[in-house]
C-alpha atoms as a PDB file:
ATOM      1  CA  MET A   1      34.323 -58.798  -7.382  1.00  0.00           C
ATOM      2  CA  GLU A   2      35.209 -57.671  -3.891  1.00  0.00           C
ATOM      3  CA  SER A   3      33.234 -54.435  -4.237  1.00  0.00           C
ATOM      4  CA  ILE A   4      30.045 -56.356  -5.051  1.00  0.00           C
ATOM      5  CA  ILE A   5      30.446 -58.352  -1.830  1.00  0.00           C
ATOM      6  CA  ASP A   6      31.176 -55.162   0.130  1.00  0.00           C
ATOM      7  CA  ASN A   7      28.087 -53.519  -1.350  1.00  0.00           C
ATOM      8  CA  TYR A   8      25.972 -56.558  -0.466  1.00  0.00           C
ATOM      9  CA  GLU A   9      27.257 -56.596   3.113  1.00  0.00           C
ATOM     10  CA  GLN A  10      26.617 -52.865   3.459  1.00  0.00           C
ATOM     11  CA  ALA A  11      23.084 -53.241   2.083  1.00  0.00           C
ATOM     12  CA  THR A  12      22.438 -56.129   4.480  1.00  0.00           C
ATOM     13  CA  GLN A  13      23.640 -54.047   7.434  1.00  0.00           C
ATOM     14  CA  ASP A  14      21.483 -51.121   6.312  1.00  0.00           C
ATOM     15  CA  LYS A  15      18.455 -53.426   6.097  1.00  0.00           C
ATOM     16  CA  LYS A  16      19.115 -54.752   9.607  1.00  0.00           C
ATOM     17  CA  LEU A  17      19.438 -51.182  10.868  1.00  0.00           C
ATOM     18  CA  ASP A  18      16.155 -50.215   9.189  1.00  0.00           C
ATOM     19  CA  GLU A  19      14.421 -53.204  10.788  1.00  0.00           C
ATOM     20  CA  ALA A  20      15.854 -52.337  14.203  1.00  0.00           C
ATOM     21  CA  LEU A  21      14.692 -48.725  13.857  1.00  0.00           C
ATOM     22  CA  LEU A  22      11.205 -49.902  12.889  1.00  0.00           C
ATOM     23  CA  GLN A  23      11.079 -52.169  15.943  1.00  0.00           C
ATOM     24  CA  LEU A  24      12.232 -49.308  18.156  1.00  0.00           C
ATOM     25  CA  ALA A  25       9.586 -46.989  16.695  1.00  0.00           C
ATOM     26  CA  ALA A  26       6.903 -49.609  17.352  1.00  0.00           C
ATOM     27  CA  ILE A  27       8.052 -49.978  20.965  1.00  0.00           C
ATOM     28  CA  GLU A  28       8.040 -46.201  21.453  1.00  0.00           C
ATOM     29  CA  LEU A  29       4.522 -46.032  20.028  1.00  0.00           C
ATOM     30  CA  ARG A  30       3.323 -48.728  22.441  1.00  0.00           C
ATOM     31  CA  ILE A  31       4.922 -46.918  25.376  1.00  0.00           C
ATOM     32  CA  ARG A  32       3.263 -43.640  24.362  1.00  0.00           C
ATOM     33  CA  GLU A  33      -0.133 -45.352  24.006  1.00  0.00           C
ATOM     34  CA  ARG A  34       0.288 -46.925  27.440  1.00  0.00           C
ATOM     35  CA  GLN A  35       1.241 -43.577  28.990  1.00  0.00           C
ATOM     36  CA  GLU A  36      -1.836 -41.947  27.442  1.00  0.00           C
ATOM     37  CA  GLN A  37      -3.987 -44.782  28.825  1.00  0.00           C
ATOM     38  CA  LEU A  38      -2.551 -44.246  32.293  1.00  0.00           C
ATOM     39  CA  GLU A  39      -3.111 -40.486  32.057  1.00  0.00           C
ATOM     40  CA  ARG A  40      -6.769 -41.064  31.139  1.00  0.00           C
ATOM     41  CA  MET A  41      -7.172 -43.472  34.059  1.00  0.00           C
ATOM     42  CA  LYS A  42      -5.645 -40.905  36.420  1.00  0.00           C
ATOM     43  CA  GLY A  43      -7.981 -38.245  35.038  1.00  0.00           C
ATOM     44  CA  LYS A  44     -11.042 -40.416  35.692  1.00  0.00           C
ATOM     45  CA  SER A  45     -10.053 -41.240  39.266  1.00  0.00           C
ATOM     46  CA  SER A  46      -9.536 -37.619  40.360  1.00  0.00           C
END
């Protein structure tokens, strides 16, 4: 019985890790989009 609980806890931790990685990827994407926006604005002003 204990192994089923261990497996469940491990799966839950893996799911939380996956969700955290997805959130991080989304943040990185937003940062990259913002940087590209700023680069375009700089390009227009020069």
